[in-house]
Amino acid sequence: MASNLVAKVQEFMDGLALDVVEERIVEYVIREVRNGRKFADVLNDPYVKNRLNEEKVAHVLENPEIAAAIDEQISTAFRTREFGFTDHQS
């Protein structure tokens, strides 16, 4: 019974630690996107990839603050007409 309690406490503590990591990743992604970086580039940063597996990245992407930051970036791109494409005319 004591080992069951220890296992439950350990599981709880692991969950808290992961929540902190996810929270930091969310803050990082939002900050980088608001600084003008492309969302896909931010997700491919070693800082993100080394801390979260694909399942956890998907969970982080559900955060409404990230959606708002991406929406803000898209709105800015349409307003300024800067879509990140280079103009290659021949």
C-alpha atoms as a PDB file:
ATOM      1  CA  MET A   1       0.000   0.000   0.000  1.00  0.00           C
ATOM      2  CA  ALA A   2       2.834   2.419   0.824  1.00  0.00           C
ATOM      3  CA  SER A   3       4.442   1.757  -2.555  1.00  0.00           C
ATOM      4  CA  ASN A   4       1.128   2.564  -4.252  1.00  0.00           C
ATOM      5  CA  LEU A   5       1.024   5.892  -2.422  1.00  0.00           C
ATOM      6  CA  VAL A   6       4.636   6.625  -3.390  1.00  0.00           C
ATOM      7  CA  ALA A   7       3.840   5.829  -7.013  1.00  0.00           C
ATOM      8  CA  LYS A   8       0.807   8.160  -6.955  1.00  0.00           C
ATOM      9  CA  VAL A   9       2.822  10.982  -5.394  1.00  0.00           C
ATOM     10  CA  GLN A  10       5.600  10.485  -7.953  1.00  0.00           C
ATOM     11  CA  GLU A  11       3.062  10.540 -10.793  1.00  0.00           C
ATOM     12  CA  PHE A  12       1.577  13.758  -9.406  1.00  0.00           C
ATOM     13  CA  MET A  13       5.020  15.384  -9.114  1.00  0.00           C
ATOM     14  CA  ASP A  14       5.965  14.328 -12.645  1.00  0.00           C
ATOM     15  CA  GLY A  15       2.745  15.883 -13.913  1.00  0.00           C
ATOM     16  CA  LEU A  16       3.523  19.161 -12.167  1.00  0.00           C
ATOM     17  CA  ALA A  17       7.033  19.240 -13.612  1.00  0.00           C
ATOM     18  CA  LEU A  18       5.696  18.604 -17.101  1.00  0.00           C
ATOM     19  CA  ASP A  19       3.130  21.375 -16.667  1.00  0.00           C
ATOM     20  CA  VAL A  20       5.939  23.804 -15.841  1.00  0.00           C
ATOM     21  CA  VAL A  21       7.896  22.723 -18.927  1.00  0.00           C
ATOM     22  CA  GLU A  22       4.805  23.090 -21.117  1.00  0.00           C
ATOM     23  CA  GLU A  23       4.107  26.512 -19.648  1.00  0.00           C
ATOM     24  CA  ARG A  24       7.651  27.650 -20.446  1.00  0.00           C
ATOM     25  CA  ILE A  25       7.356  26.308 -23.987  1.00  0.00           C
ATOM     26  CA  VAL A  26       4.057  28.155 -24.463  1.00  0.00           C
ATOM     27  CA  GLU A  27       5.674  31.392 -23.260  1.00  0.00           C
ATOM     28  CA  TYR A  28       8.653  30.825 -25.551  1.00  0.00           C
ATOM     29  CA  VAL A  29       6.525  30.088 -28.625  1.00  0.00           C
ATOM     30  CA  ILE A  30       4.315  33.125 -28.025  1.00  0.00           C
ATOM     31  CA  ARG A  31       7.312  35.412 -27.488  1.00  0.00           C
ATOM     32  CA  GLU A  32       9.107  34.177 -30.610  1.00  0.00           C
ATOM     33  CA  VAL A  33       6.013  34.415 -32.824  1.00  0.00           C
ATOM     34  CA  ARG A  34       5.284  37.929 -31.561  1.00  0.00           C
ATOM     35  CA  ASN A  35       8.896  38.828 -32.348  1.00  0.00           C
ATOM     36  CA  GLY A  36       8.140  37.968 -35.967  1.00  0.00           C
ATOM     37  CA  ARG A  37       9.470  34.440 -36.290  1.00  0.00           C
ATOM     38  CA  LYS A  38       7.522  31.916 -38.304  1.00  0.00           C
ATOM     39  CA  PHE A  39       5.538  29.515 -36.174  1.00  0.00           C
ATOM     40  CA  ALA A  40       6.928  26.417 -37.910  1.00  0.00           C
ATOM     41  CA  ASP A  41      10.488  27.641 -37.348  1.00  0.00           C
ATOM     42  CA  VAL A  42       9.820  28.144 -33.638  1.00  0.00           C
ATOM     43  CA  LEU A  43       8.397  24.625 -33.307  1.00  0.00           C
ATOM     44  CA  ASN A  44      11.569  23.248 -34.891  1.00  0.00           C
ATOM     45  CA  ASP A  45      13.847  25.029 -32.423  1.00  0.00           C
ATOM     46  CA  PRO A  46      15.994  22.663 -30.362  1.00  0.00           C
ATOM     47  CA  TYR A  47      14.585  24.354 -27.237  1.00  0.00           C
ATOM     48  CA  VAL A  48      11.133  23.018 -28.121  1.00  0.00           C
ATOM     49  CA  LYS A  49      12.127  19.706 -29.702  1.00  0.00           C
ATOM     50  CA  ASN A  50      14.419  18.698 -26.843  1.00  0.00           C
ATOM     51  CA  ARG A  51      11.780  19.265 -24.187  1.00  0.00           C
ATOM     52  CA  LEU A  52       8.548  17.936 -25.661  1.00  0.00           C
ATOM     53  CA  ASN A  53       7.598  14.870 -27.643  1.00  0.00           C
ATOM     54  CA  GLU A  54       5.059  15.149 -30.475  1.00  0.00           C
ATOM     55  CA  GLU A  55       2.140  14.362 -28.168  1.00  0.00           C
ATOM     56  CA  LYS A  56       3.094  17.140 -25.772  1.00  0.00           C
ATOM     57  CA  VAL A  57       3.673  19.574 -28.654  1.00  0.00           C
ATOM     58  CA  ALA A  58       0.129  18.835 -29.816  1.00  0.00           C
ATOM     59  CA  HIS A  59      -1.115  19.559 -26.295  1.00  0.00           C
ATOM     60  CA  VAL A  60       0.810  22.845 -26.189  1.00  0.00           C
ATOM     61  CA  LEU A  61      -0.673  23.837 -29.554  1.00  0.00           C
ATOM     62  CA  GLU A  62      -4.141  23.682 -28.018  1.00  0.00           C
ATOM     63  CA  ASN A  63      -3.254  26.647 -25.816  1.00  0.00           C
ATOM     64  CA  PRO A  64      -5.480  29.615 -26.743  1.00  0.00           C
ATOM     65  CA  GLU A  65      -2.622  32.087 -26.198  1.00  0.00           C
ATOM     66  CA  ILE A  66      -0.621  30.420 -28.965  1.00  0.00           C
ATOM     67  CA  ALA A  67      -3.616  30.569 -31.283  1.00  0.00           C
ATOM     68  CA  ALA A  68      -3.965  34.286 -30.493  1.00  0.00           C
ATOM     69  CA  ALA A  69      -0.276  34.932 -31.230  1.00  0.00           C
ATOM     70  CA  ILE A  70      -0.543  33.118 -34.563  1.00  0.00           C
ATOM     71  CA  ASP A  71      -3.726  35.008 -35.407  1.00  0.00           C
ATOM     72  CA  GLU A  72      -1.948  38.266 -34.587  1.00  0.00           C
ATOM     73  CA  GLN A  73       0.947  37.309 -36.869  1.00  0.00           C
ATOM     74  CA  ILE A  74      -1.431  36.463 -39.724  1.00  0.00           C
ATOM     75  CA  SER A  75      -3.359  39.719 -39.264  1.00  0.00           C
ATOM     76  CA  THR A  76      -0.128  41.702 -39.322  1.00  0.00           C
ATOM     77  CA  ALA A  77       1.007  39.913 -42.476  1.00  0.00           C
ATOM     78  CA  PHE A  78      -2.229  40.793 -44.260  1.00  0.00           C
ATOM     79  CA  ARG A  79      -2.177  44.364 -43.003  1.00  0.00           C
ATOM     80  CA  THR A  80       1.432  44.974 -44.078  1.00  0.00           C
ATOM     81  CA  ARG A  81       1.274  42.590 -47.033  1.00  0.00           C
ATOM     82  CA  GLU A  82       4.468  40.931 -45.810  1.00  0.00           C
ATOM     83  CA  PHE A  83       3.829  37.243 -46.179  1.00  0.00           C
ATOM     84  CA  GLY A  84       7.431  36.077 -45.986  1.00  0.00           C
ATOM     85  CA  PHE A  85       7.684  35.273 -49.680  1.00  0.00           C
ATOM     86  CA  THR A  86      10.592  36.542 -51.699  1.00  0.00           C
ATOM     87  CA  ASP A  87       9.792  38.322 -54.921  1.00  0.00           C
ATOM     88  CA  HIS A  88      11.466  36.372 -57.733  1.00  0.00           C
ATOM     89  CA  GLN A  89      10.428  37.930 -61.000  1.00  0.00           C
ATOM     90  CA  SER A  90      12.242  37.097 -64.218  1.00  0.00           C
END
